[in-house]
Each structure stands twice: as C-alpha cells, then as structure tokens.
Amino acid sequence: MALSINVSDNCKYLTVIINYTTTSSVTVNLDIVDYNGISISGSLDPTFTISSGSAPINYPIPINDLDITSGIVTVVLNTAGSEIAKASALVHCDIDCCLTKLTNELLECDCDCLKCNSALAKAQKVFLLIKSADHALSQISILNPSNIAGYLKDAQNKYLKAKEICDDSCGCDC
C-alpha cells in the first residue's frame, strides 16, 4: 500500500496518489487534517472504490477548498473506520513568497552593506528552515511509525520559525 501527497509549485493543488493492491473490492476514504489532527477538509469527503484491476488513483485537491492554505497537511487513508496509511506535506507558498521578496531586495543591493547582509542572512535562515522541514517530512515515509510524531513536530517547528522570520518583513499575499 502506497500513499503519497504532493503540493503543486503554485500551491493551488495537493495531489494525493493512492497505489493500493487488493484481491477484492474495497472502499476507502480520505481524511485531510492539519498538524494538530483537526479536519481541514471543508466540504470535501473523498471516497474511492479500489478493486484488483484498479490503477493508481491521482486525486487533486484544490487548496482553496481546504480550511487552511499553508502549513502541514496530512492525508489519512481509511477503510471501514481503520487507518491504512497516512502521508504529510508542507504547503509553504507563504514562505516562498517571503523568499522572493528577500531575493528581490538582494538584487537591488549595489554594495556589500549591512542592509544587504541582513537580507541575505534572513533569506538563508528561511530557506534552510523550509528545506529542513521538507526533509523531515520526507523521512516519515521511510521510517518506523514510532518516529512519525517527532518528524512532524520537527517540521512544524521549522515551518513556524521560518514564518516568524518572514512575518516581520513579508506581506505579498501570494
């Protein structure tokens, strides 16, 4: 059983990929939750029937249809009330927007002044925090289930720190 979730580069869609092999027909549903496990699916209630001949299911979810548009999103695959699998992704276009603004500030710098050093240091911190958060989430799919909570918390802390750094200077409302 494989379940994965990808965020489009423009943060308009989450794509859930369900690759489930079964010898009989099984009905599965997706629960979409935030970092705290609270449902963010809004009016969505995706349900699928998978049979032995089913190809992998690619299900796009418009992010605007969810109750949040940034942060950690977890998709839980259930059947008959039992969890089969879960996958998480970080929606961070708000941070990407901040990085764009900081990069544009750097492009406007003509010298090696303190303003440029400050913008570069901030951009580096934000970039490294987001890359590290993404990496923490990627570890979940290859690790022992007992480590999942730790990696989720690590990713959440890094995302929130990057957001804190950006909130001081960004507001491009992407």
Protein backbone atom coordinates (compact mmCIF):
# COMPACT_ATOMS: atom_id res chain seq x y z
CA MET A 1 0.00 0.00 0.00
CA ALA A 2 1.44 3.31 -1.00
CA LEU A 3 0.03 6.73 -0.26
CA SER A 4 1.75 9.96 -1.16
CA ILE A 5 0.85 13.63 -1.23
CA ASN A 6 2.44 16.34 -3.34
CA VAL A 7 1.96 20.10 -3.32
CA SER A 8 1.92 21.84 -6.71
CA ASP A 9 4.58 24.50 -7.19
CA ASN A 10 1.92 27.21 -7.35
CA CYS A 11 0.23 25.89 -4.15
CA LYS A 12 -3.13 25.54 -5.87
CA TYR A 13 -3.42 21.75 -5.51
CA LEU A 14 -2.49 18.87 -3.29
CA THR A 15 -2.27 15.70 -5.31
CA VAL A 16 -2.97 12.53 -3.40
CA ILE A 17 -1.70 9.34 -5.03
CA ILE A 18 -3.19 6.08 -3.81
CA ASN A 19 -1.49 2.94 -5.08
CA TYR A 20 -3.27 0.11 -3.34
CA THR A 21 -3.25 -3.52 -4.35
CA THR A 22 -6.16 -5.70 -3.35
CA THR A 23 -7.65 -9.00 -4.42
CA SER A 24 -11.20 -7.83 -3.73
CA SER A 25 -13.08 -4.59 -3.90
CA VAL A 26 -12.51 -2.16 -1.01
CA THR A 27 -13.94 1.28 -0.32
CA VAL A 28 -11.52 3.83 1.12
CA ASN A 29 -11.93 7.42 2.18
CA LEU A 30 -9.52 10.28 2.81
CA ASP A 31 -9.42 12.41 5.92
CA ILE A 32 -7.48 15.64 5.49
CA VAL A 33 -6.14 17.09 8.74
CA ASP A 34 -3.77 19.79 9.95
CA TYR A 35 -0.73 19.34 12.18
CA ASN A 36 -2.95 19.01 15.26
CA GLY A 37 -5.13 16.33 13.66
CA ILE A 38 -8.08 18.67 13.17
CA SER A 39 -10.09 18.13 9.99
CA ILE A 40 -9.44 20.79 7.33
CA SER A 41 -11.34 19.08 4.54
CA GLY A 42 -14.14 21.63 4.49
CA SER A 43 -16.91 20.15 2.36
CA LEU A 44 -14.65 17.50 0.81
CA ASP A 45 -15.36 13.87 1.62
CA PRO A 46 -13.36 11.89 -0.94
CA THR A 47 -14.30 8.22 -1.15
CA PHE A 48 -12.97 5.69 -3.68
CA THR A 49 -13.62 2.07 -4.53
CA ILE A 50 -10.47 0.13 -5.32
CA SER A 51 -10.58 -3.26 -7.00
CA SER A 52 -7.96 -5.73 -8.15
CA GLY A 53 -7.72 -4.09 -11.58
CA SER A 54 -7.57 -0.51 -10.35
CA ALA A 55 -4.76 1.69 -11.48
CA PRO A 56 -3.19 4.12 -9.04
CA ILE A 57 -5.58 6.93 -8.15
CA ASN A 58 -4.38 10.50 -8.61
CA TYR A 59 -6.75 12.81 -6.76
CA PRO A 60 -6.15 16.58 -6.95
CA ILE A 61 -7.47 18.63 -4.06
CA PRO A 62 -7.78 22.40 -4.58
CA ILE A 63 -6.02 24.00 -1.63
CA ASN A 64 -8.59 26.80 -1.63
CA ASP A 65 -11.21 24.17 -0.76
CA LEU A 66 -9.38 23.38 2.50
CA ASP A 67 -9.77 25.28 5.74
CA ILE A 68 -6.04 26.22 5.72
CA THR A 69 -3.77 27.28 2.87
CA SER A 70 -0.35 26.84 4.49
CA GLY A 71 1.36 24.59 7.00
CA ILE A 72 1.48 20.83 7.41
CA VAL A 73 -1.32 18.87 5.76
CA THR A 74 -1.79 15.17 6.46
CA VAL A 75 -3.95 12.83 4.41
CA VAL A 76 -5.19 9.73 6.21
CA LEU A 77 -6.44 6.78 4.15
CA ASN A 78 -9.18 4.81 5.95
CA THR A 79 -11.30 1.80 5.24
CA ALA A 80 -14.15 0.59 7.43
CA GLY A 81 -13.04 3.02 10.16
CA SER A 82 -9.46 1.71 10.27
CA GLU A 83 -6.43 3.74 9.24
CA ILE A 84 -4.49 2.12 6.41
CA ALA A 85 -1.87 4.77 5.72
CA LYS A 86 -1.09 8.45 6.09
CA ALA A 87 1.18 10.94 4.37
CA SER A 88 2.08 14.55 5.12
CA ALA A 89 3.26 17.53 3.12
CA LEU A 90 4.18 21.13 3.88
CA VAL A 91 2.33 23.85 2.00
CA HIS A 92 4.74 26.76 2.15
CA CYS A 93 3.94 29.21 -0.61
CA ASP A 94 3.65 31.91 2.05
CA ILE A 95 7.32 31.31 2.86
CA ASP A 96 8.27 31.06 -0.82
CA CYS A 97 6.71 34.48 -1.31
CA CYS A 98 8.83 35.85 1.52
CA LEU A 99 11.96 34.34 -0.03
CA THR A 100 11.10 36.00 -3.33
CA LYS A 101 10.78 39.36 -1.63
CA LEU A 102 14.10 38.92 0.17
CA THR A 103 15.80 37.86 -3.07
CA ASN A 104 14.43 40.92 -4.85
CA GLU A 105 15.89 43.07 -2.05
CA LEU A 106 19.26 41.42 -2.64
CA LEU A 107 19.08 42.13 -6.37
CA GLU A 108 18.62 45.82 -5.61
CA CYS A 109 21.79 45.94 -3.49
CA ASP A 110 24.76 47.57 -5.18
CA CYS A 111 27.20 47.14 -2.35
CA ASP A 112 28.27 44.88 0.46
CA CYS A 113 26.40 46.97 3.02
CA LEU A 114 24.74 45.98 6.28
CA LYS A 115 21.26 46.09 4.72
CA CYS A 116 22.29 43.52 2.14
CA ASN A 117 23.99 41.34 4.76
CA SER A 118 20.83 41.37 6.85
CA ALA A 119 18.58 40.44 3.92
CA LEU A 120 20.97 37.66 2.87
CA ALA A 121 21.17 36.25 6.39
CA LYS A 122 17.37 36.29 6.72
CA ALA A 123 16.90 34.62 3.32
CA GLN A 124 19.44 31.94 4.19
CA LYS A 125 17.76 31.15 7.50
CA VAL A 126 14.30 30.95 5.97
CA PHE A 127 15.48 28.82 3.04
CA LEU A 128 17.35 26.38 5.28
CA LEU A 129 14.43 26.07 7.70
CA ILE A 130 11.96 25.25 4.90
CA LYS A 131 14.30 22.79 3.18
CA SER A 132 14.93 21.11 6.52
CA ALA A 133 11.18 20.94 7.27
CA ASP A 134 10.54 19.37 3.85
CA HIS A 135 13.31 16.85 4.52
CA ALA A 136 11.86 15.95 7.93
CA LEU A 137 8.52 15.18 6.28
CA SER A 138 10.19 13.09 3.59
CA GLN A 139 11.69 10.89 6.31
CA ILE A 140 8.25 9.86 7.54
CA SER A 141 7.60 7.55 4.60
CA ILE A 142 10.78 5.54 5.19
CA LEU A 143 10.83 5.34 8.97
CA ASN A 144 9.43 3.30 11.75
CA PRO A 145 5.94 4.56 12.70
CA SER A 146 7.15 5.36 16.22
CA ASN A 147 9.27 8.22 14.79
CA ILE A 148 6.47 9.93 12.84
CA ALA A 149 5.37 12.29 15.62
CA GLY A 150 8.93 13.51 16.13
CA TYR A 151 9.47 14.28 12.47
CA LEU A 152 6.09 16.02 12.22
CA LYS A 153 6.95 18.17 15.25
CA ASP A 154 10.39 18.95 13.83
CA ALA A 155 8.87 20.04 10.50
CA GLN A 156 6.18 22.10 12.25
CA ASN A 157 8.73 23.89 14.46
CA LYS A 158 10.93 24.74 11.48
CA TYR A 159 7.96 25.97 9.43
CA LEU A 160 6.75 28.16 12.30
CA LYS A 161 10.24 29.61 12.81
CA ALA A 162 10.52 30.44 9.10
CA LYS A 163 7.05 32.01 9.25
CA GLU A 164 8.05 34.06 12.30
CA ILE A 165 11.12 35.38 10.47
CA CYS A 166 9.05 36.21 7.40
CA ASP A 167 6.14 37.81 9.24
CA ASP A 168 8.40 40.74 10.16
CA SER A 169 9.09 41.68 6.57
CA CYS A 170 6.74 39.97 4.15
CA GLY A 171 3.21 40.57 3.10
CA CYS A 172 2.98 39.95 -0.59
CA ASP A 173 -0.22 37.93 -0.13
CA CYS A 174 0.59 35.19 -2.59
